[in-house]
Amino acid sequence: MATTGLPPELDADIDRVTEALAMITPRWHVKIMVALGGPPLRYSDLASRLPYLRPGQLHPKLQTLCHAGLVLRTEHTARHVTYEITDRGATLLAILPEIASWAERHLEPSTRPITAVEQVEDGLALLARRHATAALWALKARGAASGTSLAATVMPDHHPSAIYPTLRQLREDGLVHLAATRHRYQLSIAGGSLGPVFSAVSAWSAGKPANAAHHTLWGRARPAVPASTRAPRHSRQAAPTTLPPTRWRHRELFSHPTATALAASLPAGNPHR
């Protein structure tokens, strides 16, 4: 359970959002969930849609997603087992375009075409860092704060110096910068534009409709972003795409060609940047 110096309702919110991000950030989790966005699949059929996973990688990932309540394993007979996305997982898939959209606007451009699923992975790689959610929440609430003040808010049970690795990483990721007043930190344009993402994830983690969410702290604002303010990309993938209201075809879902068709819930991105 998160323990910060913020009000109890925000502390609980941070804990839920952090847990939700941790469910989908591990490598391949988003791709597995999107691949299961259609009818139930046998293990072999699912594996054929994820050919870049090495033998032995898919099964533990499925176990983790099943344990999290995002994927359902159904044993029809001893030799007939299927996997499908749960209702809870499907509602989570529906908010992933918010993350992809934020990454499109705020992460630096890629030198190659990239899928919207990779967009989501890039955004998650920044947002799910340890203590990142609490630090961003604190800065949103405070506007600007010194490192010592943030340490007392974000990590009240730690030595004040423990906050600085988190702040350095957030600055490198382009989510936080030093304000005009020396040694006071505040959200960058990219960090301040996380409202739609955090509002949606917060609503999902609390069991509320994400599309009706208006977060008391983050709101729903979507400020325009000059190209010069885009955050540097430090995740394992390259950069973004736009998100027109269409549905994935399987060859668009992944960055390699495959033969099987798939209609999933996450819309495709424009590969041209």
C-alpha atoms as a PDB file:
ATOM      1  CA  MET A   1       0.000   0.000   0.000  1.00  0.00           C
ATOM      2  CA  ALA A   2       1.358   3.424  -0.929  1.00  0.00           C
ATOM      3  CA  THR A   3       2.179   5.698   2.001  1.00  0.00           C
ATOM      4  CA  THR A   4       2.755   9.333   1.110  1.00  0.00           C
ATOM      5  CA  GLY A   5       2.221  12.686   2.765  1.00  0.00           C
ATOM      6  CA  LEU A   6      -0.715  13.397   0.445  1.00  0.00           C
ATOM      7  CA  PRO A   7      -4.348  13.188   1.636  1.00  0.00           C
ATOM      8  CA  PRO A   8      -5.548   9.605   2.238  1.00  0.00           C
ATOM      9  CA  GLU A   9      -7.839   9.563  -0.815  1.00  0.00           C
ATOM     10  CA  LEU A  10      -4.946  10.551  -3.105  1.00  0.00           C
ATOM     11  CA  ASP A  11      -2.648   8.079  -1.378  1.00  0.00           C
ATOM     12  CA  ALA A  12      -5.121   5.277  -2.110  1.00  0.00           C
ATOM     13  CA  ASP A  13      -5.499   6.529  -5.682  1.00  0.00           C
ATOM     14  CA  ILE A  14      -1.717   6.456  -6.210  1.00  0.00           C
ATOM     15  CA  ASP A  15      -1.586   2.911  -4.882  1.00  0.00           C
ATOM     16  CA  ARG A  16      -4.330   1.702  -7.257  1.00  0.00           C
ATOM     17  CA  VAL A  17      -2.818   3.430 -10.295  1.00  0.00           C
ATOM     18  CA  THR A  18       0.666   2.123  -9.505  1.00  0.00           C
ATOM     19  CA  GLU A  19      -0.706  -1.424  -9.217  1.00  0.00           C
ATOM     20  CA  ALA A  20      -2.679  -1.074 -12.464  1.00  0.00           C
ATOM     21  CA  LEU A  21       0.382   0.128 -14.375  1.00  0.00           C
ATOM     22  CA  ALA A  22       2.444  -2.708 -12.896  1.00  0.00           C
ATOM     23  CA  MET A  23      -0.043  -5.246 -14.310  1.00  0.00           C
ATOM     24  CA  ILE A  24       0.522  -4.238 -17.925  1.00  0.00           C
ATOM     25  CA  THR A  25       4.055  -2.835 -18.005  1.00  0.00           C
ATOM     26  CA  PRO A  26       5.983  -6.164 -18.076  1.00  0.00           C
ATOM     27  CA  ARG A  27       7.229  -6.971 -21.551  1.00  0.00           C
ATOM     28  CA  TRP A  28       4.700  -8.639 -23.887  1.00  0.00           C
ATOM     29  CA  HIS A  29       1.709  -8.143 -21.577  1.00  0.00           C
ATOM     30  CA  VAL A  30       0.063  -5.533 -23.795  1.00  0.00           C
ATOM     31  CA  LYS A  31       0.675  -7.566 -26.959  1.00  0.00           C
ATOM     32  CA  ILE A  32      -0.758 -10.711 -25.348  1.00  0.00           C
ATOM     33  CA  MET A  33      -3.876  -8.867 -24.186  1.00  0.00           C
ATOM     34  CA  VAL A  34      -4.443  -7.292 -27.590  1.00  0.00           C
ATOM     35  CA  ALA A  35      -3.950 -10.659 -29.306  1.00  0.00           C
ATOM     36  CA  LEU A  36      -6.689 -12.028 -27.016  1.00  0.00           C
ATOM     37  CA  GLY A  37      -9.045  -9.169 -27.869  1.00  0.00           C
ATOM     38  CA  GLY A  38     -11.140 -11.402 -30.140  1.00  0.00           C
ATOM     39  CA  PRO A  39     -12.657 -14.879 -29.638  1.00  0.00           C
ATOM     40  CA  PRO A  40     -11.103 -17.332 -27.133  1.00  0.00           C
ATOM     41  CA  LEU A  41      -7.900 -18.945 -28.384  1.00  0.00           C
ATOM     42  CA  ARG A  42      -6.128 -22.191 -27.704  1.00  0.00           C
ATOM     43  CA  TYR A  43      -2.577 -21.852 -26.444  1.00  0.00           C
ATOM     44  CA  SER A  44      -1.111 -22.957 -29.788  1.00  0.00           C
ATOM     45  CA  ASP A  45      -3.236 -20.438 -31.702  1.00  0.00           C
ATOM     46  CA  LEU A  46      -2.210 -17.631 -29.376  1.00  0.00           C
ATOM     47  CA  ALA A  47       1.451 -18.649 -29.597  1.00  0.00           C
ATOM     48  CA  SER A  48       1.262 -18.526 -33.395  1.00  0.00           C
ATOM     49  CA  ARG A  49       0.186 -14.883 -33.151  1.00  0.00           C
ATOM     50  CA  LEU A  50       3.156 -14.091 -30.923  1.00  0.00           C
ATOM     51  CA  PRO A  51       5.984 -15.850 -32.779  1.00  0.00           C
ATOM     52  CA  TYR A  52       8.703 -13.601 -31.361  1.00  0.00           C
ATOM     53  CA  LEU A  53       8.177 -15.027 -27.857  1.00  0.00           C
ATOM     54  CA  ARG A  54      10.692 -17.762 -27.184  1.00  0.00           C
ATOM     55  CA  PRO A  55       9.501 -21.217 -26.028  1.00  0.00           C
ATOM     56  CA  GLY A  56       8.585 -21.028 -22.369  1.00  0.00           C
ATOM     57  CA  GLN A  57       7.937 -17.272 -22.317  1.00  0.00           C
ATOM     58  CA  LEU A  58       4.215 -17.222 -23.059  1.00  0.00           C
ATOM     59  CA  HIS A  59       2.957 -19.593 -20.354  1.00  0.00           C
ATOM     60  CA  PRO A  60       4.246 -17.647 -17.306  1.00  0.00           C
ATOM     61  CA  LYS A  61       2.989 -14.395 -18.845  1.00  0.00           C
ATOM     62  CA  LEU A  62      -0.480 -15.912 -19.242  1.00  0.00           C
ATOM     63  CA  GLN A  63      -0.384 -17.163 -15.661  1.00  0.00           C
ATOM     64  CA  THR A  64       0.415 -13.648 -14.433  1.00  0.00           C
ATOM     65  CA  LEU A  65      -2.364 -12.071 -16.500  1.00  0.00           C
ATOM     66  CA  CYS A  66      -4.841 -14.721 -15.314  1.00  0.00           C
ATOM     67  CA  HIS A  67      -3.841 -14.101 -11.706  1.00  0.00           C
ATOM     68  CA  ALA A  68      -4.400 -10.356 -12.254  1.00  0.00           C
ATOM     69  CA  GLY A  69      -7.914 -11.063 -13.547  1.00  0.00           C
ATOM     70  CA  LEU A  70      -7.185  -9.694 -17.017  1.00  0.00           C
ATOM     71  CA  VAL A  71      -7.202 -13.041 -18.862  1.00  0.00           C
ATOM     72  CA  LEU A  72      -9.459 -16.076 -18.299  1.00  0.00           C
ATOM     73  CA  ARG A  73      -8.237 -19.649 -18.704  1.00  0.00           C
ATOM     74  CA  THR A  74     -11.051 -22.127 -19.425  1.00  0.00           C
ATOM     75  CA  GLU A  75     -10.383 -25.873 -19.296  1.00  0.00           C
ATOM     76  CA  HIS A  76     -13.085 -27.452 -21.474  1.00  0.00           C
ATOM     77  CA  THR A  77     -11.415 -30.877 -21.343  1.00  0.00           C
ATOM     78  CA  ALA A  78      -7.950 -32.045 -20.347  1.00  0.00           C
ATOM     79  CA  ARG A  79      -6.784 -31.412 -23.928  1.00  0.00           C
ATOM     80  CA  HIS A  80      -8.950 -28.422 -24.776  1.00  0.00           C
ATOM     81  CA  VAL A  81      -7.971 -25.224 -22.946  1.00  0.00           C
ATOM     82  CA  THR A  82      -8.711 -21.707 -24.177  1.00  0.00           C
ATOM     83  CA  TYR A  83      -7.694 -18.218 -23.140  1.00  0.00           C
ATOM     84  CA  GLU A  84      -9.684 -15.019 -23.531  1.00  0.00           C
ATOM     85  CA  ILE A  85      -9.687 -11.466 -22.283  1.00  0.00           C
ATOM     86  CA  THR A  86     -11.932 -10.871 -19.264  1.00  0.00           C
ATOM     87  CA  ASP A  87     -14.394  -7.986 -19.034  1.00  0.00           C
ATOM     88  CA  ARG A  88     -11.918  -6.329 -16.679  1.00  0.00           C
ATOM     89  CA  GLY A  89      -9.142  -6.795 -19.198  1.00  0.00           C
ATOM     90  CA  ALA A  90     -11.306  -5.519 -22.051  1.00  0.00           C
ATOM     91  CA  THR A  91     -12.053  -2.277 -20.204  1.00  0.00           C
ATOM     92  CA  LEU A  92      -8.328  -1.855 -19.587  1.00  0.00           C
ATOM     93  CA  LEU A  93      -7.608  -2.385 -23.284  1.00  0.00           C
ATOM     94  CA  ALA A  94     -10.100   0.386 -24.028  1.00  0.00           C
ATOM     95  CA  ILE A  95      -8.001   2.976 -22.154  1.00  0.00           C
ATOM     96  CA  LEU A  96      -4.651   2.022 -23.687  1.00  0.00           C
ATOM     97  CA  PRO A  97      -5.177   4.404 -26.630  1.00  0.00           C
ATOM     98  CA  GLU A  98      -4.987   7.267 -24.103  1.00  0.00           C
ATOM     99  CA  ILE A  99      -1.418   6.196 -23.359  1.00  0.00           C
ATOM    100  CA  ALA A 100      -0.584   5.807 -27.041  1.00  0.00           C
ATOM    101  CA  SER A 101      -2.088   9.211 -27.786  1.00  0.00           C
ATOM    102  CA  TRP A 102      -0.029  10.863 -25.041  1.00  0.00           C
ATOM    103  CA  ALA A 103       3.130   9.164 -26.344  1.00  0.00           C
ATOM    104  CA  GLU A 104       2.349  10.365 -29.873  1.00  0.00           C
ATOM    105  CA  ARG A 105       2.148  13.959 -28.750  1.00  0.00           C
ATOM    106  CA  HIS A 106       4.978  14.030 -26.237  1.00  0.00           C
ATOM    107  CA  LEU A 107       7.692  11.480 -27.025  1.00  0.00           C
ATOM    108  CA  GLU A 108      10.302  12.388 -29.575  1.00  0.00           C
ATOM    109  CA  PRO A 109       9.731  11.096 -33.120  1.00  0.00           C
ATOM    110  CA  SER A 110      10.922   7.713 -34.311  1.00  0.00           C
ATOM    111  CA  THR A 111      13.166   7.023 -37.266  1.00  0.00           C
ATOM    112  CA  ARG A 112      10.982   4.073 -38.300  1.00  0.00           C
ATOM    113  CA  PRO A 113       7.294   3.209 -38.532  1.00  0.00           C
ATOM    114  CA  ILE A 114       5.890   2.080 -35.209  1.00  0.00           C
ATOM    115  CA  THR A 115       2.658   0.437 -34.091  1.00  0.00           C
ATOM    116  CA  ALA A 116       0.253   1.836 -31.508  1.00  0.00           C
ATOM    117  CA  VAL A 117       0.971  -1.129 -29.220  1.00  0.00           C
ATOM    118  CA  GLU A 118       4.627  -0.084 -29.165  1.00  0.00           C
ATOM    119  CA  GLN A 119       3.406   3.431 -28.396  1.00  0.00           C
ATOM    120  CA  VAL A 120       1.654   2.087 -25.319  1.00  0.00           C
ATOM    121  CA  GLU A 121       4.774   0.187 -24.254  1.00  0.00           C
ATOM    122  CA  ASP A 122       6.879   3.324 -24.638  1.00  0.00           C
ATOM    123  CA  GLY A 123       4.529   5.357 -22.486  1.00  0.00           C
ATOM    124  CA  LEU A 124       4.268   2.656 -19.838  1.00  0.00           C
ATOM    125  CA  ALA A 125       8.050   2.371 -19.652  1.00  0.00           C
ATOM    126  CA  LEU A 126       8.158   5.964 -18.385  1.00  0.00           C
ATOM    127  CA  LEU A 127       5.046   6.030 -16.213  1.00  0.00           C
ATOM    128  CA  ALA A 128       5.602   2.790 -14.324  1.00  0.00           C
ATOM    129  CA  ARG A 129       9.024   3.651 -12.923  1.00  0.00           C
ATOM    130  CA  ARG A 130       9.331   3.274  -9.154  1.00  0.00           C
ATOM    131  CA  HIS A 131       7.867   6.238  -7.242  1.00  0.00           C
ATOM    132  CA  ALA A 132       7.081   8.026 -10.518  1.00  0.00           C
ATOM    133  CA  THR A 133       3.318   8.092  -9.940  1.00  0.00           C
ATOM    134  CA  ALA A 134       3.642   9.453  -6.403  1.00  0.00           C
ATOM    135  CA  ALA A 135       6.149  12.118  -7.472  1.00  0.00           C
ATOM    136  CA  LEU A 136       4.017  13.244 -10.413  1.00  0.00           C
ATOM    137  CA  TRP A 137       0.893  13.297  -8.201  1.00  0.00           C
ATOM    138  CA  ALA A 138       2.726  15.420  -5.611  1.00  0.00           C
ATOM    139  CA  LEU A 139       3.959  17.905  -8.200  1.00  0.00           C
ATOM    140  CA  LYS A 140       0.500  18.162  -9.744  1.00  0.00           C
ATOM    141  CA  ALA A 141      -0.926  18.927  -6.304  1.00  0.00           C
ATOM    142  CA  ARG A 142       1.836  21.318  -5.233  1.00  0.00           C
ATOM    143  CA  GLY A 143       2.652  23.066  -8.515  1.00  0.00           C
ATOM    144  CA  ALA A 144       6.364  23.397  -7.654  1.00  0.00           C
ATOM    145  CA  ALA A 145       8.367  22.044  -4.754  1.00  0.00           C
ATOM    146  CA  SER A 146      11.907  21.562  -3.546  1.00  0.00           C
ATOM    147  CA  GLY A 147      13.482  18.138  -3.472  1.00  0.00           C
ATOM    148  CA  THR A 148      13.389  18.103   0.328  1.00  0.00           C
ATOM    149  CA  SER A 149       9.700  19.001   0.370  1.00  0.00           C
ATOM    150  CA  LEU A 150       8.925  16.347  -2.242  1.00  0.00           C
ATOM    151  CA  ALA A 151      10.848  13.745  -0.259  1.00  0.00           C
ATOM    152  CA  ALA A 152       8.703  14.470   2.793  1.00  0.00           C
ATOM    153  CA  THR A 153       5.574  14.077   0.669  1.00  0.00           C
ATOM    154  CA  VAL A 154       6.486  11.194  -1.635  1.00  0.00           C
ATOM    155  CA  MET A 155       8.756   9.151   0.657  1.00  0.00           C
ATOM    156  CA  PRO A 156       8.020  10.229   4.248  1.00  0.00           C
ATOM    157  CA  ASP A 157       9.601   7.064   5.660  1.00  0.00           C
ATOM    158  CA  HIS A 158      12.884   7.457   3.749  1.00  0.00           C
ATOM    159  CA  HIS A 159      15.908   9.713   4.054  1.00  0.00           C
ATOM    160  CA  PRO A 160      15.321  12.954   2.082  1.00  0.00           C
ATOM    161  CA  SER A 161      18.119  12.095  -0.351  1.00  0.00           C
ATOM    162  CA  ALA A 162      16.128   9.044  -1.548  1.00  0.00           C
ATOM    163  CA  ILE A 163      13.946  11.258  -3.738  1.00  0.00           C
ATOM    164  CA  TYR A 164      16.754  12.491  -5.993  1.00  0.00           C
ATOM    165  CA  PRO A 165      17.245   9.363  -8.163  1.00  0.00           C
ATOM    166  CA  THR A 166      13.508   9.494  -8.928  1.00  0.00           C
ATOM    167  CA  LEU A 167      13.646  13.211  -9.746  1.00  0.00           C
ATOM    168  CA  ARG A 168      16.726  12.760 -11.943  1.00  0.00           C
ATOM    169  CA  GLN A 169      14.983   9.994 -13.880  1.00  0.00           C
ATOM    170  CA  LEU A 170      11.816  12.034 -14.291  1.00  0.00           C
ATOM    171  CA  ARG A 171      13.897  14.931 -15.597  1.00  0.00           C
ATOM    172  CA  GLU A 172      15.713  12.643 -18.048  1.00  0.00           C
ATOM    173  CA  ASP A 173      12.339  11.292 -19.178  1.00  0.00           C
ATOM    174  CA  GLY A 174      11.130  14.848 -19.790  1.00  0.00           C
ATOM    175  CA  LEU A 175       8.242  14.682 -17.304  1.00  0.00           C
ATOM    176  CA  VAL A 176       9.726  17.079 -14.742  1.00  0.00           C
ATOM    177  CA  HIS A 177      12.014  20.097 -14.950  1.00  0.00           C
ATOM    178  CA  LEU A 178      13.615  22.585 -12.596  1.00  0.00           C
ATOM    179  CA  ALA A 179      11.504  25.704 -12.240  1.00  0.00           C
ATOM    180  CA  ALA A 180      12.847  29.225 -12.689  1.00  0.00           C
ATOM    181  CA  THR A 181      13.283  29.372  -8.933  1.00  0.00           C
ATOM    182  CA  ARG A 182      16.385  27.286  -8.322  1.00  0.00           C
ATOM    183  CA  HIS A 183      16.012  23.836  -6.815  1.00  0.00           C
ATOM    184  CA  ARG A 184      12.248  23.790  -7.198  1.00  0.00           C
ATOM    185  CA  TYR A 185      10.802  21.062  -9.392  1.00  0.00           C
ATOM    186  CA  GLN A 186       7.609  21.192 -11.431  1.00  0.00           C
ATOM    187  CA  LEU A 187       5.863  19.198 -14.116  1.00  0.00           C
ATOM    188  CA  SER A 188       6.971  19.768 -17.685  1.00  0.00           C
ATOM    189  CA  ILE A 189       4.384  20.235 -20.427  1.00  0.00           C
ATOM    190  CA  ALA A 190       4.589  16.487 -21.111  1.00  0.00           C
ATOM    191  CA  GLY A 191       4.171  15.635 -17.426  1.00  0.00           C
ATOM    192  CA  GLY A 192       1.316  18.073 -16.984  1.00  0.00           C
ATOM    193  CA  SER A 193      -0.447  16.587 -20.008  1.00  0.00           C
ATOM    194  CA  LEU A 194      -0.812  13.192 -18.354  1.00  0.00           C
ATOM    195  CA  GLY A 195      -4.285  14.127 -17.111  1.00  0.00           C
ATOM    196  CA  PRO A 196      -6.247  11.976 -19.606  1.00  0.00           C
ATOM    197  CA  VAL A 197      -3.943   9.002 -18.972  1.00  0.00           C
ATOM    198  CA  PHE A 198      -3.997   9.143 -15.182  1.00  0.00           C
ATOM    199  CA  SER A 199      -7.710   9.974 -15.107  1.00  0.00           C
ATOM    200  CA  ALA A 200      -8.513   6.908 -17.214  1.00  0.00           C
ATOM    201  CA  VAL A 201      -6.207   4.548 -15.290  1.00  0.00           C
ATOM    202  CA  SER A 202      -7.476   5.879 -11.961  1.00  0.00           C
ATOM    203  CA  ALA A 203     -11.097   5.336 -12.996  1.00  0.00           C
ATOM    204  CA  TRP A 204     -10.355   1.827 -14.282  1.00  0.00           C
ATOM    205  CA  SER A 205      -8.494   0.844 -11.126  1.00  0.00           C
ATOM    206  CA  ALA A 206     -11.427   2.072  -9.010  1.00  0.00           C
ATOM    207  CA  GLY A 207     -13.957   0.155 -11.125  1.00  0.00           C
ATOM    208  CA  LYS A 208     -15.477   3.287 -12.668  1.00  0.00           C
ATOM    209  CA  PRO A 209     -16.185   3.984 -16.363  1.00  0.00           C
ATOM    210  CA  ALA A 210     -12.961   5.392 -17.770  1.00  0.00           C
ATOM    211  CA  ASN A 211     -14.675   7.424 -20.471  1.00  0.00           C
ATOM    212  CA  ALA A 212     -16.670   9.339 -17.868  1.00  0.00           C
ATOM    213  CA  ALA A 213     -13.695  10.029 -15.632  1.00  0.00           C
ATOM    214  CA  HIS A 214     -12.900  13.542 -14.463  1.00  0.00           C
ATOM    215  CA  HIS A 215     -10.131  13.238 -11.955  1.00  0.00           C
ATOM    216  CA  THR A 216     -10.273  15.704  -9.061  1.00  0.00           C
ATOM    217  CA  LEU A 217      -6.536  16.347  -9.380  1.00  0.00           C
ATOM    218  CA  TRP A 218      -5.693  15.668 -13.041  1.00  0.00           C
ATOM    219  CA  GLY A 219      -8.885  16.748 -14.792  1.00  0.00           C
ATOM    220  CA  ARG A 220      -9.124  16.099 -18.545  1.00  0.00           C
ATOM    221  CA  ALA A 221      -7.072  18.920 -20.102  1.00  0.00           C
ATOM    222  CA  ARG A 222      -5.126  18.222 -23.312  1.00  0.00           C
ATOM    223  CA  PRO A 223      -2.717  21.134 -23.884  1.00  0.00           C
ATOM    224  CA  ALA A 224      -1.010  21.523 -27.245  1.00  0.00           C
ATOM    225  CA  VAL A 225       2.648  20.528 -27.300  1.00  0.00           C
ATOM    226  CA  PRO A 226       5.359  22.350 -29.264  1.00  0.00           C
ATOM    227  CA  ALA A 227       7.755  19.912 -30.921  1.00  0.00           C
ATOM    228  CA  SER A 228      10.710  21.300 -28.951  1.00  0.00           C
ATOM    229  CA  THR A 229       9.156  20.181 -25.638  1.00  0.00           C
ATOM    230  CA  ARG A 230       8.783  16.498 -26.473  1.00  0.00           C
ATOM    231  CA  ALA A 231      10.220  14.144 -23.927  1.00  0.00           C
ATOM    232  CA  PRO A 232      13.248  12.001 -24.804  1.00  0.00           C
ATOM    233  CA  ARG A 233      12.550   8.337 -25.403  1.00  0.00           C
ATOM    234  CA  HIS A 234      14.348   5.936 -23.082  1.00  0.00           C
ATOM    235  CA  SER A 235      12.151   2.866 -23.402  1.00  0.00           C
ATOM    236  CA  ARG A 236      12.897  -0.310 -25.299  1.00  0.00           C
ATOM    237  CA  GLN A 237      10.984   0.709 -28.453  1.00  0.00           C
ATOM    238  CA  ALA A 238      11.148   3.582 -30.906  1.00  0.00           C
ATOM    239  CA  ALA A 239       8.535   6.326 -31.225  1.00  0.00           C
ATOM    240  CA  PRO A 240       4.895   7.095 -31.902  1.00  0.00           C
ATOM    241  CA  THR A 241       1.906   7.031 -34.222  1.00  0.00           C
ATOM    242  CA  THR A 242      -1.487   8.709 -34.342  1.00  0.00           C
ATOM    243  CA  LEU A 243      -4.671   6.851 -33.449  1.00  0.00           C
ATOM    244  CA  PRO A 244      -7.479   7.081 -36.036  1.00  0.00           C
ATOM    245  CA  PRO A 245     -10.759   5.397 -34.997  1.00  0.00           C
ATOM    246  CA  THR A 246     -10.221   2.084 -36.735  1.00  0.00           C
ATOM    247  CA  ARG A 247      -9.574  -1.521 -35.683  1.00  0.00           C
ATOM    248  CA  TRP A 248      -6.390  -3.521 -35.880  1.00  0.00           C
ATOM    249  CA  ARG A 249      -5.689  -5.957 -38.619  1.00  0.00           C
ATOM    250  CA  HIS A 250      -3.170  -8.490 -37.405  1.00  0.00           C
ATOM    251  CA  ARG A 251      -0.470  -7.367 -39.828  1.00  0.00           C
ATOM    252  CA  GLU A 252      -0.826  -3.838 -38.382  1.00  0.00           C
ATOM    253  CA  LEU A 253      -0.780  -4.994 -34.788  1.00  0.00           C
ATOM    254  CA  PHE A 254       2.799  -6.165 -34.760  1.00  0.00           C
ATOM    255  CA  SER A 255       5.967  -4.859 -36.347  1.00  0.00           C
ATOM    256  CA  HIS A 256       6.472  -8.021 -38.415  1.00  0.00           C
ATOM    257  CA  PRO A 257       4.249  -9.602 -41.106  1.00  0.00           C
ATOM    258  CA  THR A 258       1.969 -12.497 -40.182  1.00  0.00           C
ATOM    259  CA  ALA A 259      -0.689 -14.392 -42.043  1.00  0.00           C
ATOM    260  CA  THR A 260      -3.478 -14.582 -39.445  1.00  0.00           C
ATOM    261  CA  ALA A 261      -6.169 -11.899 -39.353  1.00  0.00           C
ATOM    262  CA  LEU A 262      -7.119 -10.376 -35.994  1.00  0.00           C
ATOM    263  CA  ALA A 263      -9.653  -7.740 -35.008  1.00  0.00           C
ATOM    264  CA  ALA A 264      -8.746  -6.349 -31.600  1.00  0.00           C
ATOM    265  CA  SER A 265      -9.941  -3.434 -29.522  1.00  0.00           C
ATOM    266  CA  LEU A 266      -6.886  -1.170 -29.758  1.00  0.00           C
ATOM    267  CA  PRO A 267      -6.956   1.123 -32.797  1.00  0.00           C
ATOM    268  CA  ALA A 268      -4.128   1.178 -35.280  1.00  0.00           C
ATOM    269  CA  GLY A 269      -1.671   3.996 -35.560  1.00  0.00           C
ATOM    270  CA  ASN A 270      -0.413   5.915 -38.519  1.00  0.00           C
ATOM    271  CA  PRO A 271       3.118   4.616 -39.266  1.00  0.00           C
ATOM    272  CA  HIS A 272       4.194   7.863 -40.935  1.00  0.00           C
ATOM    273  CA  ARG A 273       5.977  10.369 -38.722  1.00  0.00           C
END
